[in-house]
Protein backbone atom coordinates (compact mmCIF):
# COMPACT_ATOMS: atom_id res chain seq x y z
CA MET A 1 91.72 80.40 193.91
CA SER A 2 91.71 82.81 196.54
CA ASP A 3 90.67 82.33 200.17
CA LEU A 4 89.53 85.92 200.61
CA ILE A 5 85.89 86.74 201.47
CA THR A 6 84.17 89.65 200.17
CA THR A 7 82.46 92.23 202.54
CA ASP A 8 78.92 91.15 201.48
CA GLU A 9 79.81 87.58 202.23
CA THR A 10 81.32 88.38 205.60
CA GLU A 11 78.31 90.24 206.43
CA ALA A 12 75.97 87.52 205.29
CA ALA A 13 77.89 85.03 207.42
CA TYR A 14 77.69 87.21 210.27
CA ASP A 15 74.05 87.96 210.03
CA THR A 16 72.95 84.30 209.97
CA GLY A 17 69.85 83.40 211.41
CA SER A 18 69.43 80.87 214.19
CA HIS A 19 66.85 78.30 215.51
CA ASN A 20 65.44 81.03 217.77
CA HIS A 21 65.59 83.79 215.21
CA SER A 22 63.85 81.63 212.49
CA ALA A 23 61.06 80.27 215.11
CA ILE A 24 60.28 84.04 216.01
CA GLN A 25 60.27 85.28 212.57
CA ALA A 26 57.97 82.51 211.61
CA ASN A 27 55.47 83.09 214.58
CA LEU A 28 55.57 86.85 213.82
CA ALA A 29 54.48 86.34 210.23
CA PHE A 30 51.79 83.87 211.36
CA LEU A 31 50.32 86.19 214.13
CA LEU A 32 50.56 89.23 211.82
CA LYS A 33 48.98 87.60 209.11
CA ARG A 34 46.17 86.27 211.37
CA LEU A 35 45.15 89.94 212.17
CA GLY A 36 43.61 90.18 208.50
CA LYS A 37 44.39 93.61 207.78
CA TYR A 38 47.95 93.54 206.60
CA SER A 39 50.02 91.66 204.08
CA VAL A 40 53.25 90.24 205.86
CA TYR A 41 56.59 89.72 204.21
CA THR A 42 59.98 88.21 205.45
CA GLU A 43 63.29 89.16 204.23
CA LEU A 44 61.54 91.65 201.46
CA SER A 45 64.08 94.08 199.83
CA LEU A 46 63.66 97.68 200.31
CA ASP A 47 64.82 100.27 197.72
CA VAL A 48 67.02 102.80 199.61
CA SER A 49 68.14 104.68 196.47
CA GLN A 50 66.48 107.86 197.79
CA LEU A 51 68.72 108.02 200.98
CA ASP A 52 72.06 109.58 201.02
CA THR A 53 74.01 106.23 201.19
CA GLN A 54 77.41 108.04 202.51
CA LYS A 55 75.46 109.32 205.53
CA PHE A 56 73.49 106.02 206.26
CA LYS A 57 76.10 103.50 205.34
CA VAL A 58 73.70 101.32 203.22
CA LYS A 59 74.10 99.84 199.81
CA GLU A 60 71.36 99.41 197.38
CA GLU A 61 68.71 97.77 199.52
CA ILE A 62 67.99 96.72 203.04
CA LYS A 63 66.05 93.70 204.15
CA PRO A 64 63.93 93.66 207.59
CA ASP A 65 63.31 90.24 209.21
CA VAL A 66 59.56 90.73 208.91
CA CYS A 67 57.57 93.68 207.56
CA ILE A 68 53.81 94.70 207.13
CA TYR A 69 52.02 96.57 204.48
CA PRO A 70 48.26 97.51 204.00
CA LYS A 71 46.44 94.16 202.54
CA ARG A 72 47.51 93.53 198.87
CA GLY A 73 47.69 90.70 196.48
CA LEU A 74 50.53 89.27 194.86
CA SER A 75 52.20 91.19 191.99
CA ARG A 76 51.64 89.58 188.96
CA PRO A 77 52.52 88.96 186.18
CA PHE A 78 55.86 90.56 187.18
CA ASP A 79 57.33 90.42 190.50
CA ILE A 80 58.91 93.30 192.48
CA LEU A 81 62.69 92.85 193.22
CA LYS A 82 62.97 95.93 195.33
CA MET A 83 60.01 97.65 197.09
CA ALA A 84 60.01 101.41 196.55
CA GLU A 85 56.90 101.72 198.78
CA MET A 86 58.01 101.40 202.43
CA PRO A 87 56.42 99.17 204.83
CA LEU A 88 54.12 100.47 207.82
CA LEU A 89 56.20 98.41 210.28
CA VAL A 90 59.48 96.51 210.08
CA ILE A 91 60.63 94.00 212.89
CA GLU A 92 64.31 93.10 213.47
CA ILE A 93 65.08 90.19 215.40
CA LEU A 94 68.48 89.97 217.08
CA SER A 95 70.64 86.99 216.07
CA PRO A 96 73.28 85.57 218.30
CA ARG A 97 75.96 87.50 216.32
CA GLN A 98 74.23 90.95 216.17
CA GLY A 99 74.31 93.66 218.55
CA THR A 100 71.52 96.32 219.55
CA GLN A 101 73.49 99.17 217.96
CA GLU A 102 73.65 97.51 214.39
CA ILE A 103 69.84 97.08 214.71
CA LEU A 104 69.50 100.82 215.73
CA GLU A 105 71.64 101.98 212.69
CA LYS A 106 68.95 100.02 210.75
CA PHE A 107 66.09 101.54 212.44
CA ALA A 108 67.64 105.11 211.53
CA ILE A 109 67.42 104.07 207.89
CA TYR A 110 63.88 102.76 208.17
CA PHE A 111 62.41 106.00 209.71
CA ALA A 112 64.52 107.99 207.27
CA LEU A 113 62.82 106.13 204.42
CA GLY A 114 59.24 106.72 206.02
CA VAL A 115 58.55 103.42 208.00
CA HIS A 116 56.13 104.31 210.62
CA SER A 117 57.44 101.97 213.35
CA CYS A 118 60.29 99.36 214.22
CA TRP A 119 60.34 96.58 216.45
CA LEU A 120 63.36 95.20 218.04
CA ILE A 121 63.11 91.56 219.38
CA ASP A 122 65.85 90.01 221.55
CA PRO A 123 65.27 86.37 221.75
CA THR A 124 68.05 85.96 224.46
CA ILE A 125 66.21 87.86 227.18
CA ALA A 126 62.64 87.69 225.57
CA VAL A 127 62.19 91.42 225.25
CA ILE A 128 60.38 93.52 222.60
CA ALA A 129 61.07 97.16 222.15
CA VAL A 130 58.58 98.97 219.94
CA TYR A 131 59.88 102.13 218.49
CA SER A 132 57.78 105.00 217.29
CA ALA A 133 60.96 107.12 216.64
CA LEU A 134 64.41 106.40 217.12
CA ASP A 135 64.41 108.16 220.51
CA GLN A 136 60.94 106.81 221.47
CA HIS A 137 60.32 103.30 222.50
CA LYS A 138 58.12 101.21 224.84
CA ILE A 139 59.48 97.85 226.16
CA PHE A 140 57.33 94.62 226.41
CA ALA A 141 58.22 91.34 228.43
CA VAL A 142 54.58 89.95 229.02
CA GLY A 143 51.06 90.48 228.32
CA GLU A 144 50.38 91.87 224.69
CA VAL A 145 52.91 93.77 222.46
CA VAL A 146 50.84 97.01 221.78
CA ASP A 147 51.70 99.23 218.71
CA GLU A 148 49.58 101.90 218.79
CA VAL A 149 51.17 103.56 215.70
CA VAL A 150 50.21 100.81 213.26
CA ASP A 151 47.35 99.25 215.53
CA VAL A 152 48.82 96.06 216.13
CA ASN A 153 48.36 94.21 219.31
CA LEU A 154 50.24 90.57 219.55
CA PRO A 155 50.10 88.19 222.32
CA PHE A 156 53.56 88.18 223.98
CA ALA A 157 53.74 84.69 224.67
CA GLU A 158 52.91 83.42 221.30
CA ILE A 159 55.73 85.21 219.66
CA PHE A 160 57.99 83.32 221.87
CA GLU A 161 56.46 79.81 221.84
């Protein structure tokens, strides 16, 4: 038996969620669902087959921590394994072993796929950056997080409680 770990296993171990990551993810899902106008998903697989996978260094799918779509029901009787339709908003929460550069590379993929807005949440310093494009963002650390692109306003303090 080999002690070697595959690249996928290494990446999965590296991107492990933490207590704070998980709590913020749950808070966001609750707050976004409470708005009543979106369907909220966590760890949803998005199909990236339309992208040049060499240029963007991505495999067959990408999974945001949280994402929203216009309100919809469950897919019955058959589930969807990889969403071809892209979400309006994706949210990435830094885990203790991730860096900002890694998330910004994911944002480049999301924007290339047609996602309208991306949030980067740093639990360590309690800051949220709302990106409307890869080179345009607003920083929030108090009050309300305002995303004008997708018309979302959330109380900052409730995201971090």
